[in-house]
């Protein structure tokens, strides 16, 4: 019999497919909360970068690898893509930056480089190897590095080479009608909508099973981007100003974008239900509730949706006693049907039983 807060009113149509949670406690706040939110590892001292990886999306992508053309999709809405505002990390702890351009993401998923058409082959031939082009510079730099730095550089070069090899292969064209291609230079709302359309299209066409969408960086979306909803400040400044009209408008706007994603997923029929029923959708924030300006992850709040096919408990609000946030990530992995993992992140080892139906 829970009631949706004013901010979550845009999710009213999906109430029966929501699972709302309060009471999770993380370790790091602000930029450290960004890296911890998907990895379950505290940030390295002072820089906000995750101590280790992988993030949950990259872990799942690795477990599902081979079943789809792309293991995962990382998107952003005006992402800063600085070192301290990353959420996705590979197993070695290196961040995986988000694609901020909806058109760039669309071309990656459905563009003319797909398949073996003459235009696709021509496009691929024009994409020369970055490593081959800079081989002399890389060799010079490597000779000047210490052993630890050289090891890190070698690992990065190996990852880039693997990505180059993958990109050079003909991409299996999706067997479906892709969404309409987005235009360039979109505003905030249109960018968000286009990125959600990219995710739904990728799922519907079987391009990937795992996707993330990050709004802004650790300070949120900057000032000037919310002008279209009548807010002159950025998310960061509005949050520091305490509860008020600007923050309410911003958070409600975010809920509207989340509702659009759920609506689009629910419109795609799959089996006896919808794509939303067979997808676990998670809305996270890098900070918890509590006094403003404290930047902590006490009482972290989470919105989940869908997940019926996975056995997720829906239509519920869970006010948990103080619960380890890392256990939440561990429980999500179990919800995805993976039962052979005993720990995720720094300390995620226990199932949060009320998540399951």
Protein backbone atom coordinates (compact mmCIF):
# COMPACT_ATOMS: atom_id res chain seq x y z
CA UNK A 1 0.00 0.00 0.00
CA UNK A 2 3.01 2.31 -0.44
CA UNK A 3 2.59 5.73 -2.04
CA UNK A 4 4.98 7.13 -4.61
CA UNK A 5 6.80 10.29 -3.58
CA UNK A 6 6.27 13.46 -5.65
CA UNK A 7 9.53 12.83 -7.49
CA UNK A 8 8.45 9.31 -8.47
CA UNK A 9 4.94 10.24 -9.63
CA UNK A 10 6.01 9.86 -13.31
CA UNK A 11 6.41 6.11 -12.57
CA UNK A 12 2.76 5.74 -11.48
CA UNK A 13 1.78 3.75 -14.59
CA UNK A 14 4.50 1.19 -13.76
CA UNK A 15 3.80 0.93 -10.01
CA UNK A 16 2.99 -2.79 -10.14
CA UNK A 17 6.37 -3.50 -11.76
CA UNK A 18 8.49 -1.44 -9.35
CA UNK A 19 10.62 -2.49 -6.40
CA UNK A 20 11.68 0.50 -4.27
CA UNK A 21 14.43 0.10 -1.67
CA UNK A 22 15.87 2.25 1.12
CA UNK A 23 18.41 1.34 3.78
CA UNK A 24 21.50 0.35 1.79
CA UNK A 25 24.81 1.68 3.09
CA UNK A 26 27.91 2.12 0.94
CA UNK A 27 31.40 3.21 1.85
CA UNK A 28 32.29 6.21 -0.28
CA UNK A 29 30.40 9.35 -1.21
CA UNK A 30 30.45 11.79 -4.12
CA UNK A 31 32.98 10.76 -6.78
CA UNK A 32 33.82 7.66 -4.74
CA UNK A 33 30.15 6.77 -4.84
CA UNK A 34 30.26 6.82 -8.63
CA UNK A 35 32.90 4.10 -8.82
CA UNK A 36 31.45 2.06 -5.93
CA UNK A 37 27.90 2.09 -7.31
CA UNK A 38 28.55 -0.70 -9.84
CA UNK A 39 31.85 -2.22 -8.69
CA UNK A 40 31.24 -2.67 -4.97
CA UNK A 41 34.79 -1.47 -4.35
CA UNK A 42 35.70 1.70 -2.46
CA UNK A 43 37.54 4.35 -4.42
CA UNK A 44 41.27 4.75 -4.25
CA UNK A 45 42.25 7.44 -1.78
CA UNK A 46 41.72 10.92 -3.13
CA UNK A 47 40.98 10.26 -6.80
CA UNK A 48 37.53 8.64 -6.88
CA UNK A 49 38.70 5.79 -9.11
CA UNK A 50 37.54 2.28 -8.18
CA UNK A 51 40.11 0.25 -6.30
CA UNK A 52 39.31 -2.82 -8.41
CA UNK A 53 36.93 -4.17 -11.01
CA UNK A 54 34.86 -5.43 -12.64
CA UNK A 55 31.65 -3.45 -12.35
CA UNK A 56 28.50 -5.56 -12.31
CA UNK A 57 27.63 -4.71 -15.93
CA UNK A 58 31.05 -5.84 -17.15
CA UNK A 59 30.90 -8.97 -14.99
CA UNK A 60 27.53 -9.91 -16.51
CA UNK A 61 28.80 -9.05 -20.00
CA UNK A 62 31.66 -11.47 -19.46
CA UNK A 63 29.32 -14.23 -18.32
CA UNK A 64 27.03 -13.69 -21.32
CA UNK A 65 29.88 -13.15 -23.80
CA UNK A 66 29.45 -14.83 -27.18
CA UNK A 67 25.67 -14.81 -27.18
CA UNK A 68 25.36 -11.38 -28.82
CA UNK A 69 27.50 -9.29 -31.22
CA UNK A 70 28.36 -6.80 -28.44
CA UNK A 71 29.03 -7.94 -24.86
CA UNK A 72 27.74 -4.65 -23.42
CA UNK A 73 26.78 -1.08 -24.23
CA UNK A 74 27.94 1.95 -22.20
CA UNK A 75 26.07 5.19 -22.89
CA UNK A 76 25.87 8.61 -21.28
CA UNK A 77 23.84 11.80 -21.25
CA UNK A 78 26.43 14.60 -21.35
CA UNK A 79 28.99 12.42 -19.51
CA UNK A 80 32.08 14.30 -18.36
CA UNK A 81 34.14 11.10 -18.80
CA UNK A 82 36.78 12.23 -16.35
CA UNK A 83 38.81 9.70 -14.38
CA UNK A 84 36.83 10.19 -11.17
CA UNK A 85 33.30 9.95 -12.58
CA UNK A 86 33.30 6.50 -14.14
CA UNK A 87 30.87 3.76 -13.19
CA UNK A 88 31.83 0.88 -15.53
CA UNK A 89 35.16 -0.89 -14.95
CA UNK A 90 36.73 -3.94 -16.58
CA UNK A 91 38.13 -6.79 -14.51
CA UNK A 92 41.61 -5.21 -14.32
CA UNK A 93 40.17 -2.03 -12.83
CA UNK A 94 40.42 0.17 -15.92
CA UNK A 95 37.35 2.38 -16.50
CA UNK A 96 35.09 1.90 -19.52
CA UNK A 97 33.97 5.39 -20.63
CA UNK A 98 30.44 6.11 -21.83
CA UNK A 99 29.44 7.05 -25.38
CA UNK A 100 27.86 10.48 -25.07
CA UNK A 101 26.69 10.85 -28.65
CA UNK A 102 23.34 9.18 -29.44
CA UNK A 103 24.21 9.18 -33.15
CA UNK A 104 27.63 7.69 -32.43
CA UNK A 105 26.01 4.95 -30.36
CA UNK A 106 23.41 4.34 -33.08
CA UNK A 107 26.09 3.97 -35.75
CA UNK A 108 27.96 1.57 -33.47
CA UNK A 109 24.80 -0.54 -33.12
CA UNK A 110 23.08 -0.23 -36.48
CA UNK A 111 25.27 1.91 -38.76
CA UNK A 112 26.68 1.35 -42.24
CA UNK A 113 29.77 -0.43 -40.89
CA UNK A 114 27.56 -3.47 -40.25
CA UNK A 115 27.69 -6.43 -42.61
CA UNK A 116 29.57 -7.07 -45.85
CA UNK A 117 28.09 -4.47 -48.17
CA UNK A 118 30.56 -2.42 -50.30
CA UNK A 119 29.91 0.69 -48.21
CA UNK A 120 30.53 -1.24 -44.99
CA UNK A 121 33.81 -2.65 -46.30
CA UNK A 122 34.89 0.82 -47.43
CA UNK A 123 34.09 2.28 -44.01
CA UNK A 124 36.12 -0.40 -42.26
CA UNK A 125 39.09 0.08 -44.62
CA UNK A 126 39.19 3.75 -43.61
CA UNK A 127 39.48 2.91 -39.93
CA UNK A 128 43.26 2.48 -39.72
CA UNK A 129 44.87 1.05 -36.59
CA UNK A 130 45.61 3.66 -33.94
CA UNK A 131 48.36 1.48 -32.49
CA UNK A 132 50.11 0.95 -35.83
CA UNK A 133 49.96 4.68 -36.52
CA UNK A 134 51.56 5.57 -33.17
CA UNK A 135 53.92 2.60 -32.77
CA UNK A 136 57.12 4.71 -32.73
CA UNK A 137 55.74 7.16 -30.15
CA UNK A 138 54.52 4.30 -27.95
CA UNK A 139 57.93 2.58 -28.08
CA UNK A 140 59.68 5.82 -27.09
CA UNK A 141 57.34 6.40 -24.16
CA UNK A 142 57.56 2.78 -22.99
CA UNK A 143 61.38 2.93 -22.82
CA UNK A 144 61.13 5.84 -20.36
CA UNK A 145 58.71 4.18 -17.95
CA UNK A 146 59.32 2.20 -14.82
CA UNK A 147 58.32 -1.46 -14.57
CA UNK A 148 54.89 -0.84 -12.98
CA UNK A 149 53.92 1.91 -15.40
CA UNK A 150 55.13 -0.14 -18.38
CA UNK A 151 53.01 -3.08 -17.22
CA UNK A 152 49.93 -0.84 -17.07
CA UNK A 153 50.68 0.59 -20.53
CA UNK A 154 51.10 -2.91 -21.97
CA UNK A 155 47.75 -3.93 -20.52
CA UNK A 156 46.06 -0.87 -22.02
CA UNK A 157 47.64 -1.53 -25.42
CA UNK A 158 46.45 -5.14 -25.30
CA UNK A 159 42.90 -3.99 -24.66
CA UNK A 160 43.05 -1.46 -27.48
CA UNK A 161 44.44 -4.05 -29.90
CA UNK A 162 41.68 -6.49 -29.00
CA UNK A 163 39.10 -3.76 -29.61
CA UNK A 164 40.69 -2.92 -32.99
CA UNK A 165 40.56 -6.55 -34.05
CA UNK A 166 36.92 -6.79 -33.01
CA UNK A 167 35.98 -3.60 -34.84
CA UNK A 168 37.68 -4.79 -38.03
CA UNK A 169 35.45 -7.85 -38.24
CA UNK A 170 32.14 -7.66 -40.08
CA UNK A 171 29.46 -6.86 -37.55
CA UNK A 172 26.48 -9.19 -37.76
CA UNK A 173 23.60 -7.03 -38.91
CA UNK A 174 20.61 -7.19 -36.53
CA UNK A 175 17.68 -9.21 -37.87
CA UNK A 176 15.08 -6.55 -37.12
CA UNK A 177 14.08 -3.02 -37.99
CA UNK A 178 16.35 -0.64 -36.06
CA UNK A 179 14.99 2.53 -34.47
CA UNK A 180 15.17 5.77 -36.39
CA UNK A 181 18.64 7.33 -36.46
CA UNK A 182 18.96 10.30 -34.09
CA UNK A 183 20.15 13.66 -35.31
CA UNK A 184 23.17 15.55 -33.99
CA UNK A 185 23.28 18.41 -31.45
CA UNK A 186 20.30 17.32 -29.39
CA UNK A 187 19.11 19.01 -26.21
CA UNK A 188 18.97 17.30 -22.82
CA UNK A 189 15.58 15.62 -23.11
CA UNK A 190 16.09 14.57 -26.73
CA UNK A 191 19.55 13.16 -25.95
CA UNK A 192 18.17 11.12 -23.07
CA UNK A 193 15.29 9.80 -25.17
CA UNK A 194 17.61 8.90 -28.06
CA UNK A 195 19.97 6.98 -25.76
CA UNK A 196 17.02 5.07 -24.28
CA UNK A 197 15.84 4.29 -27.81
CA UNK A 198 19.33 2.98 -28.59
CA UNK A 199 19.18 0.66 -25.55
CA UNK A 200 15.71 -0.67 -26.36
CA UNK A 201 16.66 -1.12 -30.01
CA UNK A 202 19.84 -2.98 -29.04
CA UNK A 203 17.89 -5.33 -26.75
CA UNK A 204 15.07 -5.83 -29.25
CA UNK A 205 17.51 -6.61 -32.07
CA UNK A 206 19.67 -8.91 -29.96
CA UNK A 207 22.79 -6.75 -30.26
CA UNK A 208 23.56 -6.98 -26.51
CA UNK A 209 22.00 -8.07 -23.22
CA UNK A 210 23.71 -5.54 -20.95
CA UNK A 211 23.53 -1.74 -21.09
CA UNK A 212 24.30 1.17 -18.79
CA UNK A 213 23.31 4.83 -19.09
CA UNK A 214 25.07 7.45 -16.97
CA UNK A 215 23.65 10.94 -16.52
CA UNK A 216 26.47 13.46 -16.27
CA UNK A 217 29.48 12.87 -14.01
CA UNK A 218 29.97 12.88 -10.26
CA UNK A 219 28.65 16.45 -10.12
CA UNK A 220 25.64 15.57 -12.24
CA UNK A 221 24.64 17.31 -15.46
CA UNK A 222 26.10 20.81 -15.53
CA UNK A 223 24.45 24.21 -15.42
CA UNK A 224 22.74 25.34 -18.60
CA UNK A 225 21.58 21.89 -19.67
CA UNK A 226 18.37 22.08 -17.57
CA UNK A 227 17.22 25.35 -19.13
CA UNK A 228 14.57 23.46 -21.09
CA UNK A 229 12.79 22.54 -17.83
CA UNK A 230 13.19 26.00 -16.34
CA UNK A 231 16.15 25.28 -14.04
CA UNK A 232 19.14 27.62 -14.51
CA UNK A 233 21.53 25.66 -12.28
CA UNK A 234 23.21 22.30 -12.64
CA UNK A 235 22.33 19.19 -10.63
CA UNK A 236 25.33 19.62 -8.34
CA UNK A 237 24.44 23.17 -7.29
CA UNK A 238 20.74 22.33 -6.89
CA UNK A 239 21.57 19.40 -4.60
CA UNK A 240 23.90 21.51 -2.45
CA UNK A 241 21.18 24.14 -2.07
CA UNK A 242 18.99 21.64 -0.25
CA UNK A 243 15.42 20.53 -0.94
CA UNK A 244 13.74 23.10 -3.13
CA UNK A 245 12.02 23.73 -6.44
CA UNK A 246 15.11 23.32 -8.62
CA UNK A 247 16.10 19.96 -7.16
CA UNK A 248 12.49 18.73 -7.26
CA UNK A 249 12.21 19.64 -10.94
CA UNK A 250 15.51 17.97 -11.82
CA UNK A 251 14.78 14.74 -9.98
CA UNK A 252 11.24 14.59 -11.36
CA UNK A 253 12.65 15.12 -14.84
CA UNK A 254 15.00 12.18 -14.27
CA UNK A 255 12.03 10.06 -13.19
CA UNK A 256 10.22 11.03 -16.39
CA UNK A 257 13.17 9.75 -18.44
CA UNK A 258 13.21 6.50 -16.47
CA UNK A 259 9.48 6.11 -17.03
CA UNK A 260 9.98 6.55 -20.78
CA UNK A 261 12.51 3.70 -20.78
CA UNK A 262 10.13 1.42 -18.87
CA UNK A 263 7.27 2.29 -21.22
CA UNK A 264 9.34 1.45 -24.30
CA UNK A 265 10.51 -1.85 -22.82
CA UNK A 266 6.97 -2.74 -21.79
CA UNK A 267 5.72 -2.11 -25.34
CA UNK A 268 7.89 -4.90 -26.79
CA UNK A 269 6.19 -8.28 -26.50
CA UNK A 270 8.30 -11.25 -25.46
CA UNK A 271 6.77 -14.66 -24.81
CA UNK A 272 3.84 -14.36 -22.42
CA UNK A 273 4.88 -10.90 -21.27
CA UNK A 274 6.95 -7.90 -22.27
CA UNK A 275 10.62 -7.10 -22.59
CA UNK A 276 10.31 -5.19 -19.31
CA UNK A 277 9.18 -8.41 -17.61
CA UNK A 278 12.34 -10.17 -18.82
CA UNK A 279 14.71 -7.27 -18.07
CA UNK A 280 16.05 -6.15 -14.71
CA UNK A 281 16.20 -2.34 -14.80
CA UNK A 282 18.05 -0.53 -11.99
CA UNK A 283 18.15 3.22 -11.23
CA UNK A 284 21.00 4.16 -8.91
CA UNK A 285 22.45 7.33 -7.40
CA UNK A 286 26.00 7.82 -6.16
CA UNK A 287 24.80 9.38 -2.88
CA UNK A 288 22.40 8.34 -0.14
CA UNK A 289 19.58 10.20 1.57
CA UNK A 290 20.36 12.25 4.63
CA UNK A 291 21.57 15.74 5.54
CA UNK A 292 22.51 17.82 2.52
CA UNK A 293 26.21 18.54 1.85
CA UNK A 294 27.30 15.41 3.70
CA UNK A 295 28.21 13.46 0.54
CA UNK A 296 27.78 10.08 2.20
CA UNK A 297 26.24 6.80 1.03
CA UNK A 298 24.13 6.23 4.11
CA UNK A 299 20.58 5.11 3.31
CA UNK A 300 21.19 4.65 -0.41
CA UNK A 301 17.88 4.48 -2.29
CA UNK A 302 17.32 2.27 -5.35
CA UNK A 303 14.52 1.90 -7.87
CA UNK A 304 14.23 -1.45 -9.65
CA UNK A 305 11.72 -2.38 -12.33
CA UNK A 306 10.74 -5.40 -14.40
CA UNK A 307 12.48 -8.64 -13.55
CA UNK A 308 9.33 -10.78 -13.39
CA UNK A 309 10.93 -13.56 -15.41
CA UNK A 310 13.93 -13.49 -13.07
CA UNK A 311 11.78 -13.88 -9.96
CA UNK A 312 12.05 -10.31 -8.70
CA UNK A 313 9.53 -9.10 -6.13
CA UNK A 314 7.47 -6.34 -7.72
CA UNK A 315 4.90 -3.81 -6.53
CA UNK A 316 6.75 -3.37 -3.25
CA UNK A 317 8.60 -0.85 -1.09
CA UNK A 318 11.38 -2.29 1.07
CA UNK A 319 12.56 -0.26 4.04
CA UNK A 320 15.55 -2.37 4.99
CA UNK A 321 17.53 -2.19 8.20
CA UNK A 322 21.02 -0.88 7.49
CA UNK A 323 22.23 -3.27 4.79
CA UNK A 324 25.58 -3.58 3.02
CA UNK A 325 25.28 -2.03 -0.44
CA UNK A 326 27.69 -4.62 -1.81
CA UNK A 327 25.21 -7.33 -0.80
CA UNK A 328 22.71 -5.59 -3.08
CA UNK A 329 25.05 -6.00 -6.08
CA UNK A 330 25.66 -9.62 -5.10
CA UNK A 331 21.89 -10.18 -4.97
CA UNK A 332 21.44 -8.62 -8.42
CA UNK A 333 23.87 -11.15 -9.86
CA UNK A 334 21.87 -13.98 -8.27
CA UNK A 335 18.71 -12.41 -9.72
CA UNK A 336 20.32 -12.74 -13.16
CA UNK A 337 20.50 -16.50 -12.64
CA UNK A 338 24.18 -16.79 -11.69
CA UNK A 339 24.52 -19.05 -8.67
CA UNK A 340 28.22 -20.03 -8.68
CA UNK A 341 29.56 -16.71 -7.34
CA UNK A 342 30.33 -16.47 -3.61
CA UNK A 343 31.38 -12.80 -3.42
CA UNK A 344 31.13 -9.60 -5.42
CA UNK A 345 33.07 -6.42 -4.81
CA UNK A 346 34.74 -5.75 -1.50
CA UNK A 347 32.22 -7.47 0.77
CA UNK A 348 29.11 -8.58 -1.11
CA UNK A 349 28.40 -12.10 0.14
CA UNK A 350 24.80 -12.16 1.46
CA UNK A 351 21.53 -12.30 -0.43
CA UNK A 352 18.92 -9.67 0.35
CA UNK A 353 16.05 -12.13 0.42
CA UNK A 354 13.12 -9.64 0.15
CA UNK A 355 14.27 -8.78 -3.40
CA UNK A 356 13.09 -12.20 -4.53
CA UNK A 357 9.44 -13.08 -5.02
